[in-house]
Amino acid sequence: MKALAWIGFIVAVIGGVGLVGVGLAAAVMVIAVLGAFTIVALDIAKDRKPDQHAYIGAFVLPSLLVSIGGAFPDWLNDKSQDLWGWASEHAGDWVGTTTVGLALAAVALSFIVSTRTDPSSRMGR
């Protein structure tokens, strides 16, 4: 089964590269956003709390959405900048930085918390 999983993964990579090659990258981004929303929703619905998959979705979704382009992504980008300004102002001094270090610290902390709140989601299991 492990070999079949790797073959499937390689085929998925080839398919993804092919879709970009024929000019369907924007459509793939929309599908990726819908998939990420679905994963987050299912993860939270499973036990009424966010676990590791929801944390990963929360980390990835803003970048996916903003990269699509359009009115909603532009609005989201503006709101993301507002949230980033607030977080940078309030947490930057505590962490010791207000740039990429704060963003990386927030992501790292969220992944640590996700593994502590859901033992079944730990890496290597």
PDB file of N, CA and C in Angstrom:
ATOM      1  N   MET A   1       0.812  -1.192   0.000  1.00  0.00           N
ATOM      2  CA  MET A   1       0.000   0.000   0.000  1.00  0.00           C
ATOM      3  C   MET A   1       0.860   1.262   0.000  1.00  0.00           C
ATOM      4  N   LYS A   2       2.036   1.192   0.657  1.00  0.00           N
ATOM      5  CA  LYS A   2       2.902   2.364   0.702  1.00  0.00           C
ATOM      6  C   LYS A   2       3.380   2.730  -0.702  1.00  0.00           C
ATOM      7  N   ALA A   3       3.726   1.737  -1.511  1.00  0.00           N
ATOM      8  CA  ALA A   3       4.176   2.012  -2.881  1.00  0.00           C
ATOM      9  C   ALA A   3       3.049   2.647  -3.690  1.00  0.00           C
ATOM     10  N   LEU A   4       1.827   2.145  -3.523  1.00  0.00           N
ATOM     11  CA  LEU A   4       0.685   2.709  -4.239  1.00  0.00           C
ATOM     12  C   LEU A   4       0.440   4.159  -3.822  1.00  0.00           C
ATOM     13  N   ALA A   5       0.625   4.453  -2.533  1.00  0.00           N
ATOM     14  CA  ALA A   5       0.465   5.830  -2.060  1.00  0.00           C
ATOM     15  C   ALA A   5       1.480   6.754  -2.724  1.00  0.00           C
ATOM     16  N   TRP A   6       2.733   6.308  -2.842  1.00  0.00           N
ATOM     17  CA  TRP A   6       3.763   7.128  -3.482  1.00  0.00           C
ATOM     18  C   TRP A   6       3.503   7.280  -4.981  1.00  0.00           C
ATOM     19  N   ILE A   7       3.026   6.238  -5.617  1.00  0.00           N
ATOM     20  CA  ILE A   7       2.691   6.334  -7.044  1.00  0.00           C
ATOM     21  C   ILE A   7       1.564   7.345  -7.240  1.00  0.00           C
ATOM     22  N   GLY A   8       0.551   7.274  -6.388  1.00  0.00           N
ATOM     23  CA  GLY A   8      -0.546   8.234  -6.460  1.00  0.00           C
ATOM     24  C   GLY A   8      -0.073   9.659  -6.242  1.00  0.00           C
ATOM     25  N   PHE A   9       0.847   9.845  -5.318  1.00  0.00           N
ATOM     26  CA  PHE A   9       1.398  11.171  -5.047  1.00  0.00           C
ATOM     27  C   PHE A   9       2.142  11.701  -6.265  1.00  0.00           C
ATOM     28  N   ILE A  10       2.968  10.874  -6.875  1.00  0.00           N
ATOM     29  CA  ILE A  10       3.730  11.285  -8.065  1.00  0.00           C
ATOM     30  C   ILE A  10       2.785  11.632  -9.213  1.00  0.00           C
ATOM     31  N   VAL A  11       1.737  10.837  -9.388  1.00  0.00           N
ATOM     32  CA  VAL A  11       0.755  11.124 -10.430  1.00  0.00           C
ATOM     33  C   VAL A  11       0.062  12.459 -10.153  1.00  0.00           C
ATOM     34  N   ALA A  12      -0.239  12.745  -8.877  1.00  0.00           N
ATOM     35  CA  ALA A  12      -0.862  14.024  -8.517  1.00  0.00           C
ATOM     36  C   ALA A  12       0.066  15.196  -8.846  1.00  0.00           C
ATOM     37  N   VAL A  13       1.347  15.051  -8.559  1.00  0.00           N
ATOM     38  CA  VAL A  13       2.314  16.103  -8.896  1.00  0.00           C
ATOM     39  C   VAL A  13       2.346  16.318 -10.409  1.00  0.00           C
ATOM     40  N   ILE A  14       2.400  15.244 -11.172  1.00  0.00           N
ATOM     41  CA  ILE A  14       2.414  15.350 -12.636  1.00  0.00           C
ATOM     42  C   ILE A  14       1.129  16.020 -13.126  1.00  0.00           C
ATOM     43  N   GLY A  15      -0.010  15.642 -12.552  1.00  0.00           N
ATOM     44  CA  GLY A  15      -1.270  16.267 -12.933  1.00  0.00           C
ATOM     45  C   GLY A  15      -1.288  17.748 -12.610  1.00  0.00           C
ATOM     46  N   GLY A  16      -0.772  18.125 -11.438  1.00  0.00           N
ATOM     47  CA  GLY A  16      -0.717  19.531 -11.057  1.00  0.00           C
ATOM     48  C   GLY A  16       0.167  20.333 -11.978  1.00  0.00           C
ATOM     49  N   VAL A  17       1.311  19.793 -12.319  1.00  0.00           N
ATOM     50  CA  VAL A  17       2.219  20.465 -13.255  1.00  0.00           C
ATOM     51  C   VAL A  17       1.562  20.585 -14.625  1.00  0.00           C
ATOM     52  N   GLY A  18       0.848  19.558 -15.040  1.00  0.00           N
ATOM     53  CA  GLY A  18       0.157  19.598 -16.329  1.00  0.00           C
ATOM     54  C   GLY A  18      -0.915  20.664 -16.373  1.00  0.00           C
ATOM     55  N   LEU A  19      -1.684  20.814 -15.279  1.00  0.00           N
ATOM     56  CA  LEU A  19      -2.729  21.845 -15.243  1.00  0.00           C
ATOM     57  C   LEU A  19      -2.129  23.243 -15.318  1.00  0.00           C
ATOM     58  N   VAL A  20      -0.998  23.446 -14.652  1.00  0.00           N
ATOM     59  CA  VAL A  20      -0.314  24.739 -14.758  1.00  0.00           C
ATOM     60  C   VAL A  20       0.193  24.931 -16.182  1.00  0.00           C
ATOM     61  N   GLY A  21       0.724  23.874 -16.772  1.00  0.00           N
ATOM     62  CA  GLY A  21       1.280  23.953 -18.122  1.00  0.00           C
ATOM     63  C   GLY A  21       0.254  24.311 -19.184  1.00  0.00           C
ATOM     64  N   VAL A  22      -1.004  23.929 -18.969  1.00  0.00           N
ATOM     65  CA  VAL A  22      -2.039  24.249 -19.972  1.00  0.00           C
ATOM     66  C   VAL A  22      -2.821  25.503 -19.598  1.00  0.00           C
ATOM     67  N   GLY A  23      -2.333  26.242 -18.595  1.00  0.00           N
ATOM     68  CA  GLY A  23      -2.927  27.529 -18.261  1.00  0.00           C
ATOM     69  C   GLY A  23      -4.089  27.485 -17.292  1.00  0.00           C
ATOM     70  N   LEU A  24      -4.217  26.428 -16.520  1.00  0.00           N
ATOM     71  CA  LEU A  24      -5.330  26.314 -15.579  1.00  0.00           C
ATOM     72  C   LEU A  24      -4.912  26.530 -14.125  1.00  0.00           C
ATOM     73  N   ALA A  25      -3.828  27.251 -13.906  1.00  0.00           N
ATOM     74  CA  ALA A  25      -3.343  27.469 -12.536  1.00  0.00           C
ATOM     75  C   ALA A  25      -4.377  28.195 -11.686  1.00  0.00           C
ATOM     76  N   ALA A  26      -5.085  29.167 -12.251  1.00  0.00           N
ATOM     77  CA  ALA A  26      -6.087  29.910 -11.478  1.00  0.00           C
ATOM     78  C   ALA A  26      -7.222  28.993 -11.042  1.00  0.00           C
ATOM     79  N   ALA A  27      -7.630  28.093 -11.913  1.00  0.00           N
ATOM     80  CA  ALA A  27      -8.683  27.147 -11.550  1.00  0.00           C
ATOM     81  C   ALA A  27      -8.211  26.223 -10.430  1.00  0.00           C
ATOM     82  N   VAL A  28      -6.967  25.818 -10.484  1.00  0.00           N
ATOM     83  CA  VAL A  28      -6.412  24.964  -9.434  1.00  0.00           C
ATOM     84  C   VAL A  28      -6.389  25.714  -8.108  1.00  0.00           C
ATOM     85  N   MET A  29      -6.088  27.010  -8.141  1.00  0.00           N
ATOM     86  CA  MET A  29      -6.083  27.810  -6.913  1.00  0.00           C
ATOM     87  C   MET A  29      -7.480  27.851  -6.287  1.00  0.00           C
ATOM     88  N   VAL A  30      -8.493  28.013  -7.110  1.00  0.00           N
ATOM     89  CA  VAL A  30      -9.868  28.030  -6.600  1.00  0.00           C
ATOM     90  C   VAL A  30     -10.211  26.679  -5.981  1.00  0.00           C
ATOM     91  N   ILE A  31      -9.836  25.606  -6.637  1.00  0.00           N
ATOM     92  CA  ILE A  31     -10.079  24.263  -6.099  1.00  0.00           C
ATOM     93  C   ILE A  31      -9.312  24.067  -4.798  1.00  0.00           C
ATOM     94  N   ALA A  32      -8.076  24.563  -4.741  1.00  0.00           N
ATOM     95  CA  ALA A  32      -7.279  24.448  -3.516  1.00  0.00           C
ATOM     96  C   ALA A  32      -7.925  25.209  -2.367  1.00  0.00           C
ATOM     97  N   VAL A  33      -8.459  26.390  -2.651  1.00  0.00           N
ATOM     98  CA  VAL A  33      -9.138  27.174  -1.612  1.00  0.00           C
ATOM     99  C   VAL A  33     -10.370  26.433  -1.116  1.00  0.00           C
ATOM    100  N   LEU A  34     -11.181  25.923  -2.033  1.00  0.00           N
ATOM    101  CA  LEU A  34     -12.375  25.176  -1.633  1.00  0.00           C
ATOM    102  C   LEU A  34     -12.005  23.929  -0.838  1.00  0.00           C
ATOM    103  N   GLY A  35     -10.951  23.254  -1.265  1.00  0.00           N
ATOM    104  CA  GLY A  35     -10.485  22.075  -0.533  1.00  0.00           C
ATOM    105  C   GLY A  35     -10.001  22.419   0.864  1.00  0.00           C
ATOM    106  N   ALA A  36      -9.258  23.524   0.985  1.00  0.00           N
ATOM    107  CA  ALA A  36      -8.762  23.932   2.301  1.00  0.00           C
ATOM    108  C   ALA A  36      -9.910  24.318   3.222  1.00  0.00           C
ATOM    109  N   PHE A  37     -10.905  25.061   2.693  1.00  0.00           N
ATOM    110  CA  PHE A  37     -12.089  25.392   3.498  1.00  0.00           C
ATOM    111  C   PHE A  37     -12.796  24.120   3.963  1.00  0.00           C
ATOM    112  N   THR A  38     -12.936  23.150   3.070  1.00  0.00           N
ATOM    113  CA  THR A  38     -13.601  21.895   3.412  1.00  0.00           C
ATOM    114  C   THR A  38     -12.839  21.149   4.500  1.00  0.00           C
ATOM    115  N   ILE A  39     -11.529  21.097   4.379  1.00  0.00           N
ATOM    116  CA  ILE A  39     -10.706  20.405   5.382  1.00  0.00           C
ATOM    117  C   ILE A  39     -10.840  21.077   6.739  1.00  0.00           C
ATOM    118  N   VAL A  40     -10.797  22.408   6.762  1.00  0.00           N
ATOM    119  CA  VAL A  40     -10.944  23.139   8.025  1.00  0.00           C
ATOM    120  C   VAL A  40     -12.313  22.859   8.625  1.00  0.00           C
ATOM    121  N   ALA A  41     -13.360  22.948   7.811  1.00  0.00           N
ATOM    122  CA  ALA A  41     -14.716  22.729   8.314  1.00  0.00           C
ATOM    123  C   ALA A  41     -14.893  21.314   8.852  1.00  0.00           C
ATOM    124  N   LEU A  42     -14.409  20.317   8.116  1.00  0.00           N
ATOM    125  CA  LEU A  42     -14.533  18.931   8.581  1.00  0.00           C
ATOM    126  C   LEU A  42     -13.741  18.689   9.858  1.00  0.00           C
ATOM    127  N   ASP A  43     -12.547  19.282   9.932  1.00  0.00           N
ATOM    128  CA  ASP A  43     -11.721  19.115  11.122  1.00  0.00           C
ATOM    129  C   ASP A  43     -12.419  19.684  12.359  1.00  0.00           C
ATOM    130  N   ILE A  44     -12.992  20.869  12.223  1.00  0.00           N
ATOM    131  CA  ILE A  44     -13.674  21.490  13.361  1.00  0.00           C
ATOM    132  C   ILE A  44     -14.971  20.750  13.678  1.00  0.00           C
ATOM    133  N   ALA A  45     -15.704  20.332  12.660  1.00  0.00           N
ATOM    134  CA  ALA A  45     -16.973  19.626  12.880  1.00  0.00           C
ATOM    135  C   ALA A  45     -16.768  18.270  13.560  1.00  0.00           C
ATOM    136  N   LYS A  46     -15.610  17.674  13.338  1.00  0.00           N
ATOM    137  CA  LYS A  46     -15.339  16.336  13.876  1.00  0.00           C
ATOM    138  C   LYS A  46     -15.505  16.281  15.389  1.00  0.00           C
ATOM    139  N   ASP A  47     -14.941  17.243  16.102  1.00  0.00           N
ATOM    140  CA  ASP A  47     -15.029  17.222  17.562  1.00  0.00           C
ATOM    141  C   ASP A  47     -15.285  18.605  18.155  1.00  0.00           C
ATOM    142  N   ARG A  48     -15.743  19.525  17.313  1.00  0.00           N
ATOM    143  CA  ARG A  48     -16.114  20.884  17.725  1.00  0.00           C
ATOM    144  C   ARG A  48     -14.938  21.720  18.218  1.00  0.00           C
ATOM    145  N   LYS A  49     -13.731  21.374  17.767  1.00  0.00           N
ATOM    146  CA  LYS A  49     -12.558  22.192  18.087  1.00  0.00           C
ATOM    147  C   LYS A  49     -11.549  22.054  16.949  1.00  0.00           C
ATOM    148  N   PRO A  50     -10.768  23.100  16.731  1.00  0.00           N
ATOM    149  CA  PRO A  50      -9.764  23.012  15.656  1.00  0.00           C
ATOM    150  C   PRO A  50      -8.597  22.127  16.082  1.00  0.00           C
ATOM    151  N   ASP A  51      -8.216  21.246  15.191  1.00  0.00           N
ATOM    152  CA  ASP A  51      -7.050  20.398  15.405  1.00  0.00           C
ATOM    153  C   ASP A  51      -6.014  20.748  14.349  1.00  0.00           C
ATOM    154  N   GLN A  52      -5.037  19.895  14.146  1.00  0.00           N
ATOM    155  CA  GLN A  52      -3.898  20.229  13.297  1.00  0.00           C
ATOM    156  C   GLN A  52      -4.282  20.598  11.864  1.00  0.00           C
ATOM    157  N   HIS A  53      -5.234  19.907  11.276  1.00  0.00           N
ATOM    158  CA  HIS A  53      -5.627  20.234   9.905  1.00  0.00           C
ATOM    159  C   HIS A  53      -6.229  21.633   9.819  1.00  0.00           C
ATOM    160  N   ALA A  54      -7.012  22.021  10.813  1.00  0.00           N
ATOM    161  CA  ALA A  54      -7.588  23.370  10.825  1.00  0.00           C
ATOM    162  C   ALA A  54      -6.494  24.417  10.998  1.00  0.00           C
ATOM    163  N   TYR A  55      -5.507  24.130  11.811  1.00  0.00           N
ATOM    164  CA  TYR A  55      -4.397  25.066  11.997  1.00  0.00           C
ATOM    165  C   TYR A  55      -3.642  25.263  10.679  1.00  0.00           C
ATOM    166  N   ILE A  56      -3.393  24.175   9.979  1.00  0.00           N
ATOM    167  CA  ILE A  56      -2.696  24.273   8.700  1.00  0.00           C
ATOM    168  C   ILE A  56      -3.540  25.069   7.707  1.00  0.00           C
ATOM    169  N   GLY A  57      -4.836  24.808   7.694  1.00  0.00           N
ATOM    170  CA  GLY A  57      -5.725  25.565   6.820  1.00  0.00           C
ATOM    171  C   GLY A  57      -5.713  27.050   7.143  1.00  0.00           C
ATOM    172  N   ALA A  58      -5.729  27.377   8.425  1.00  0.00           N
ATOM    173  CA  ALA A  58      -5.703  28.791   8.835  1.00  0.00           C
ATOM    174  C   ALA A  58      -4.408  29.461   8.411  1.00  0.00           C
ATOM    175  N   PHE A  59      -3.340  28.706   8.375  1.00  0.00           N
ATOM    176  CA  PHE A  59      -2.038  29.226   7.967  1.00  0.00           C
ATOM    177  C   PHE A  59      -1.972  29.425   6.447  1.00  0.00           C
ATOM    178  N   VAL A  60      -2.583  28.528   5.692  1.00  0.00           N
ATOM    179  CA  VAL A  60      -2.459  28.520   4.240  1.00  0.00           C
ATOM    180  C   VAL A  60      -3.544  29.340   3.525  1.00  0.00           C
ATOM    181  N   LEU A  61      -4.766  29.346   4.062  1.00  0.00           N
ATOM    182  CA  LEU A  61      -5.879  29.973   3.351  1.00  0.00           C
ATOM    183  C   LEU A  61      -5.682  31.446   2.989  1.00  0.00           C
ATOM    184  N   PRO A  62      -5.180  32.301   3.876  1.00  0.00           N
ATOM    185  CA  PRO A  62      -5.011  33.703   3.463  1.00  0.00           C
ATOM    186  C   PRO A  62      -4.118  33.864   2.235  1.00  0.00           C
ATOM    187  N   SER A  63      -3.027  33.130   2.179  1.00  0.00           N
ATOM    188  CA  SER A  63      -2.139  33.226   1.007  1.00  0.00           C
ATOM    189  C   SER A  63      -2.816  32.709  -0.245  1.00  0.00           C
ATOM    190  N   LEU A  64      -3.543  31.609  -0.123  1.00  0.00           N
ATOM    191  CA  LEU A  64      -4.249  31.069  -1.286  1.00  0.00           C
ATOM    192  C   LEU A  64      -5.296  32.057  -1.793  1.00  0.00           C
ATOM    193  N   LEU A  65      -6.081  32.603  -0.876  1.00  0.00           N
ATOM    194  CA  LEU A  65      -7.145  33.518  -1.268  1.00  0.00           C
ATOM    195  C   LEU A  65      -6.605  34.787  -1.924  1.00  0.00           C
ATOM    196  N   VAL A  66      -5.588  35.367  -1.334  1.00  0.00           N
ATOM    197  CA  VAL A  66      -5.037  36.616  -1.868  1.00  0.00           C
ATOM    198  C   VAL A  66      -4.397  36.396  -3.236  1.00  0.00           C
ATOM    199  N   SER A  67      -3.849  35.220  -3.467  1.00  0.00           N
ATOM    200  CA  SER A  67      -3.172  34.958  -4.738  1.00  0.00           C
ATOM    201  C   SER A  67      -4.137  34.771  -5.901  1.00  0.00           C
ATOM    202  N   ILE A  68      -5.418  34.559  -5.623  1.00  0.00           N
ATOM    203  CA  ILE A  68      -6.393  34.357  -6.698  1.00  0.00           C
ATOM    204  C   ILE A  68      -6.667  35.658  -7.435  1.00  0.00           C
ATOM    205  N   GLY A  69      -6.779  36.760  -6.702  1.00  0.00           N
ATOM    206  CA  GLY A  69      -7.092  38.045  -7.323  1.00  0.00           C
ATOM    207  C   GLY A  69      -8.592  38.268  -7.405  1.00  0.00           C
ATOM    208  N   GLY A  70      -8.992  39.518  -7.415  1.00  0.00           N
ATOM    209  CA  GLY A  70     -10.408  39.860  -7.485  1.00  0.00           C
ATOM    210  C   GLY A  70     -10.814  40.735  -6.313  1.00  0.00           C
ATOM    211  N   ALA A  71     -12.097  41.085  -6.257  1.00  0.00           N
ATOM    212  CA  ALA A  71     -12.597  42.003  -5.231  1.00  0.00           C
ATOM    213  C   ALA A  71     -12.501  41.398  -3.828  1.00  0.00           C
ATOM    214  N   PHE A  72     -12.960  40.168  -3.656  1.00  0.00           N
ATOM    215  CA  PHE A  72     -12.902  39.566  -2.324  1.00  0.00           C
ATOM    216  C   PHE A  72     -11.468  39.370  -1.847  1.00  0.00           C
ATOM    217  N   PRO A  73     -10.582  38.814  -2.671  1.00  0.00           N
ATOM    218  CA  PRO A  73      -9.188  38.702  -2.229  1.00  0.00           C
ATOM    219  C   PRO A  73      -8.544  40.055  -1.911  1.00  0.00           C
ATOM    220  N   ASP A  74      -8.895  41.096  -2.671  1.00  0.00           N
ATOM    221  CA  ASP A  74      -8.364  42.431  -2.368  1.00  0.00           C
ATOM    222  C   ASP A  74      -8.863  42.919  -1.005  1.00  0.00           C
ATOM    223  N   TRP A  75     -10.153  42.712  -0.733  1.00  0.00           N
ATOM    224  CA  TRP A  75     -10.728  43.080   0.567  1.00  0.00           C
ATOM    225  C   TRP A  75     -10.041  42.286   1.678  1.00  0.00           C
ATOM    226  N   LEU A  76      -9.869  40.974   1.438  1.00  0.00           N
ATOM    227  CA  LEU A  76      -9.212  40.122   2.431  1.00  0.00           C
ATOM    228  C   LEU A  76      -7.784  40.569   2.678  1.00  0.00           C
ATOM    229  N   ASN A  77      -7.085  40.964   1.635  1.00  0.00           N
ATOM    230  CA  ASN A  77      -5.717  41.449   1.777  1.00  0.00           C
ATOM    231  C   ASN A  77      -5.683  42.696   2.662  1.00  0.00           C
ATOM    232  N   ASP A  78      -6.640  43.609   2.454  1.00  0.00           N
ATOM    233  CA  ASP A  78      -6.716  44.813   3.292  1.00  0.00           C
ATOM    234  C   ASP A  78      -6.949  44.439   4.754  1.00  0.00           C
ATOM    235  N   LYS A  79      -7.889  43.519   4.996  1.00  0.00           N
ATOM    236  CA  LYS A  79      -8.191  43.093   6.372  1.00  0.00           C
ATOM    237  C   LYS A  79      -7.009  42.339   6.979  1.00  0.00           C
ATOM    238  N   SER A  80      -6.297  41.577   6.169  1.00  0.00           N
ATOM    239  CA  SER A  80      -5.111  40.867   6.658  1.00  0.00           C
ATOM    240  C   SER A  80      -4.037  41.854   7.092  1.00  0.00           C
ATOM    241  N   GLN A  81      -3.883  42.919   6.317  1.00  0.00           N
ATOM    242  CA  GLN A  81      -2.906  43.948   6.687  1.00  0.00           C
ATOM    243  C   GLN A  81      -3.305  44.621   7.995  1.00  0.00           C
ATOM    244  N   ASP A  82      -4.612  44.857   8.187  1.00  0.00           N
ATOM    245  CA  ASP A  82      -5.089  45.431   9.452  1.00  0.00           C
ATOM    246  C   ASP A  82      -4.780  44.493  10.620  1.00  0.00           C
ATOM    247  N   LEU A  83      -5.082  43.210  10.444  1.00  0.00           N
ATOM    248  CA  LEU A  83      -4.822  42.231  11.503  1.00  0.00           C
ATOM    249  C   LEU A  83      -3.327  42.123  11.779  1.00  0.00           C
ATOM    250  N   TRP A  84      -2.525  42.116  10.708  1.00  0.00           N
ATOM    251  CA  TRP A  84      -1.077  42.035  10.878  1.00  0.00           C
ATOM    252  C   TRP A  84      -0.549  43.258  11.619  1.00  0.00           C
ATOM    253  N   GLY A  85      -1.085  44.447  11.295  1.00  0.00           N
ATOM    254  CA  GLY A  85      -0.672  45.668  11.998  1.00  0.00           C
ATOM    255  C   GLY A  85      -0.984  45.588  13.478  1.00  0.00           C
ATOM    256  N   TRP A  86      -2.183  45.097  13.805  1.00  0.00           N
ATOM    257  CA  TRP A  86      -2.564  44.947  15.215  1.00  0.00           C
ATOM    258  C   TRP A  86      -1.653  43.941  15.917  1.00  0.00           C
ATOM    259  N   ALA A  87      -1.449  42.783  15.305  1.00  0.00           N
ATOM    260  CA  ALA A  87      -0.616  41.741  15.921  1.00  0.00           C
ATOM    261  C   ALA A  87       0.820  42.222  16.077  1.00  0.00           C
ATOM    262  N   SER A  88       1.328  42.893  15.067  1.00  0.00           N
ATOM    263  CA  SER A  88       2.690  43.392  15.109  1.00  0.00           C
ATOM    264  C   SER A  88       2.855  44.415  16.227  1.00  0.00           C
ATOM    265  N   GLU A  89       1.871  45.287  16.377  1.00  0.00           N
ATOM    266  CA  GLU A  89       1.930  46.322  17.408  1.00  0.00           C
ATOM    267  C   GLU A  89       1.836  45.733  18.813  1.00  0.00           C
ATOM    268  N   HIS A  90       0.957  44.759  19.008  1.00  0.00           N
ATOM    269  CA  HIS A  90       0.708  44.232  20.342  1.00  0.00           C
ATOM    270  C   HIS A  90       1.609  43.063  20.732  1.00  0.00           C
ATOM    271  N   ALA A  91       1.960  42.227  19.784  1.00  0.00           N
ATOM    272  CA  ALA A  91       2.773  41.051  20.118  1.00  0.00           C
ATOM    273  C   ALA A  91       4.226  41.203  19.699  1.00  0.00           C
ATOM    274  N   GLY A  92       4.528  42.152  18.841  1.00  0.00           N
ATOM    275  CA  GLY A  92       5.890  42.310  18.331  1.00  0.00           C
ATOM    276  C   GLY A  92       6.904  42.579  19.422  1.00  0.00           C
ATOM    277  N   ASP A  93       6.564  43.456  20.362  1.00  0.00           N
ATOM    278  CA  ASP A  93       7.493  43.748  21.452  1.00  0.00           C
ATOM    279  C   ASP A  93       7.710  42.528  22.338  1.00  0.00           C
ATOM    280  N   TRP A  94       6.647  41.769  22.567  1.00  0.00           N
ATOM    281  CA  TRP A  94       6.740  40.574  23.419  1.00  0.00           C
ATOM    282  C   TRP A  94       7.637  39.521  22.788  1.00  0.00           C
ATOM    283  N   VAL A  95       7.496  39.329  21.462  1.00  0.00           N
ATOM    284  CA  VAL A  95       8.298  38.331  20.753  1.00  0.00           C
ATOM    285  C   VAL A  95       9.698  38.862  20.476  1.00  0.00           C
ATOM    286  N   GLY A  96       9.809  40.179  20.326  1.00  0.00           N
ATOM    287  CA  GLY A  96      11.113  40.779  20.079  1.00  0.00           C
ATOM    288  C   GLY A  96      11.327  41.189  18.642  1.00  0.00           C
ATOM    289  N   THR A  97      10.303  41.067  17.836  1.00  0.00           N
ATOM    290  CA  THR A  97      10.410  41.465  16.438  1.00  0.00           C
ATOM    291  C   THR A  97       9.025  41.792  15.911  1.00  0.00           C
ATOM    292  N   THR A  98       8.957  42.573  14.864  1.00  0.00           N
ATOM    293  CA  THR A  98       7.655  42.891  14.267  1.00  0.00           C
ATOM    294  C   THR A  98       7.638  42.544  12.791  1.00  0.00           C
ATOM    295  N   THR A  99       8.522  41.691  12.344  1.00  0.00           N
ATOM    296  CA  THR A  99       8.591  41.355  10.930  1.00  0.00           C
ATOM    297  C   THR A  99       8.304  39.878  10.731  1.00  0.00           C
ATOM    298  N   VAL A 100       9.056  39.255   9.890  1.00  0.00           N
ATOM    299  CA  VAL A 100       8.860  37.842   9.576  1.00  0.00           C
ATOM    300  C   VAL A 100       9.001  36.976  10.822  1.00  0.00           C
ATOM    301  N   GLY A 101       9.852  37.384  11.740  1.00  0.00           N
ATOM    302  CA  GLY A 101      10.041  36.609  12.966  1.00  0.00           C
ATOM    303  C   GLY A 101       8.754  36.424  13.745  1.00  0.00           C
ATOM    304  N   LEU A 102       7.945  37.475  13.820  1.00  0.00           N
ATOM    305  CA  LEU A 102       6.664  37.372  14.520  1.00  0.00           C
ATOM    306  C   LEU A 102       5.731  36.420  13.793  1.00  0.00           C
ATOM    307  N   ALA A 103       5.668  36.515  12.483  1.00  0.00           N
ATOM    308  CA  ALA A 103       4.812  35.616  11.710  1.00  0.00           C
ATOM    309  C   ALA A 103       5.257  34.161  11.891  1.00  0.00           C
ATOM    310  N   LEU A 104       6.557  33.921  11.807  1.00  0.00           N
ATOM    311  CA  LEU A 104       7.064  32.559  11.984  1.00  0.00           C
ATOM    312  C   LEU A 104       6.832  32.059  13.401  1.00  0.00           C
ATOM    313  N   ALA A 105       6.994  32.936  14.394  1.00  0.00           N
ATOM    314  CA  ALA A 105       6.734  32.544  15.777  1.00  0.00           C
ATOM    315  C   ALA A 105       5.268  32.169  15.963  1.00  0.00           C
ATOM    316  N   ALA A 106       4.359  32.925  15.345  1.00  0.00           N
ATOM    317  CA  ALA A 106       2.931  32.619  15.451  1.00  0.00           C
ATOM    318  C   ALA A 106       2.598  31.274  14.811  1.00  0.00           C
ATOM    319  N   VAL A 107       3.158  31.015  13.635  1.00  0.00           N
ATOM    320  CA  VAL A 107       2.913  29.736  12.963  1.00  0.00           C
ATOM    321  C   VAL A 107       3.481  28.588  13.782  1.00  0.00           C
ATOM    322  N   ALA A 108       4.717  28.742  14.259  1.00  0.00           N
ATOM    323  CA  ALA A 108       5.342  27.681  15.064  1.00  0.00           C
ATOM    324  C   ALA A 108       4.535  27.409  16.330  1.00  0.00           C
ATOM    325  N   LEU A 109       4.122  28.469  17.009  1.00  0.00           N
ATOM    326  CA  LEU A 109       3.331  28.298  18.224  1.00  0.00           C
ATOM    327  C   LEU A 109       2.014  27.594  17.923  1.00  0.00           C
ATOM    328  N   SER A 110       1.372  27.944  16.813  1.00  0.00           N
ATOM    329  CA  SER A 110       0.103  27.296  16.488  1.00  0.00           C
ATOM    330  C   SER A 110       0.299  25.805  16.232  1.00  0.00           C
ATOM    331  N   PHE A 111       1.390  25.420  15.569  1.00  0.00           N
ATOM    332  CA  PHE A 111       1.632  23.996  15.331  1.00  0.00           C
ATOM    333  C   PHE A 111       1.959  23.263  16.628  1.00  0.00           C
ATOM    334  N   ILE A 112       2.686  23.905  17.523  1.00  0.00           N
ATOM    335  CA  ILE A 112       2.971  23.286  18.822  1.00  0.00           C
ATOM    336  C   ILE A 112       1.672  23.076  19.591  1.00  0.00           C
ATOM    337  N   VAL A 113       0.836  24.099  19.619  1.00  0.00           N
ATOM    338  CA  VAL A 113      -0.446  23.988  20.314  1.00  0.00           C
ATOM    339  C   VAL A 113      -1.294  22.893  19.682  1.00  0.00           C
ATOM    340  N   SER A 114      -1.302  22.808  18.353  1.00  0.00           N
ATOM    341  CA  SER A 114      -2.132  21.801  17.689  1.00  0.00           C
ATOM    342  C   SER A 114      -1.708  20.384  18.044  1.00  0.00           C
ATOM    343  N   THR A 115      -0.422  20.154  18.227  1.00  0.00           N
ATOM    344  CA  THR A 115       0.016  18.802  18.597  1.00  0.00           C
ATOM    345  C   THR A 115      -0.249  18.516  20.067  1.00  0.00           C
ATOM    346  N   ARG A 116      -0.343  19.551  20.878  1.00  0.00           N
ATOM    347  CA  ARG A 116      -0.623  19.364  22.299  1.00  0.00           C
ATOM    348  C   ARG A 116      -2.108  19.162  22.574  1.00  0.00           C
ATOM    349  N   THR A 117      -2.960  19.763  21.745  1.00  0.00           N
ATOM    350  CA  THR A 117      -4.393  19.660  21.983  1.00  0.00           C
ATOM    351  C   THR A 117      -5.010  18.431  21.342  1.00  0.00           C
ATOM    352  N   ASP A 118      -4.318  17.805  20.405  1.00  0.00           N
ATOM    353  CA  ASP A 118      -4.826  16.604  19.742  1.00  0.00           C
ATOM    354  C   ASP A 118      -3.697  15.598  19.593  1.00  0.00           C
ATOM    355  N   PRO A 119      -3.522  14.725  20.590  1.00  0.00           N
ATOM    356  CA  PRO A 119      -2.403  13.779  20.551  1.00  0.00           C
ATOM    357  C   PRO A 119      -2.415  12.865  19.326  1.00  0.00           C
ATOM    358  N   SER A 120      -3.575  12.598  18.736  1.00  0.00           N
ATOM    359  CA  SER A 120      -3.613  11.711  17.572  1.00  0.00           C
ATOM    360  C   SER A 120      -3.054  12.370  16.319  1.00  0.00           C
ATOM    361  N   SER A 121      -2.847  13.692  16.350  1.00  0.00           N
ATOM    362  CA  SER A 121      -2.340  14.388  15.168  1.00  0.00           C
ATOM    363  C   SER A 121      -0.840  14.569  15.183  1.00  0.00           C
ATOM    364  N   ARG A 122      -0.170  14.011  16.146  1.00  0.00           N
ATOM    365  CA  ARG A 122       1.286  14.179  16.223  1.00  0.00           C
ATOM    366  C   ARG A 122       1.979  13.559  15.043  1.00  0.00           C
ATOM    367  N   MET A 123       3.040  14.208  14.609  1.00  0.00           N
ATOM    368  CA  MET A 123       3.825  13.702  13.482  1.00  0.00           C
ATOM    369  C   MET A 123       4.414  12.333  13.816  1.00  0.00           C
ATOM    370  N   GLY A 124       4.512  11.489  12.831  1.00  0.00           N
ATOM    371  CA  GLY A 124       5.127  10.193  13.020  1.00  0.00           C
ATOM    372  C   GLY A 124       4.173   9.103  13.436  1.00  0.00           C
ATOM    373  N   ARG A 125       2.928   9.412  13.589  1.00  0.00           N
ATOM    374  CA  ARG A 125       1.951   8.377  13.960  1.00  0.00           C
ATOM    375  C   ARG A 125       1.233   7.882  12.760  1.00  0.00           C
TER     376      ARG A 125
END
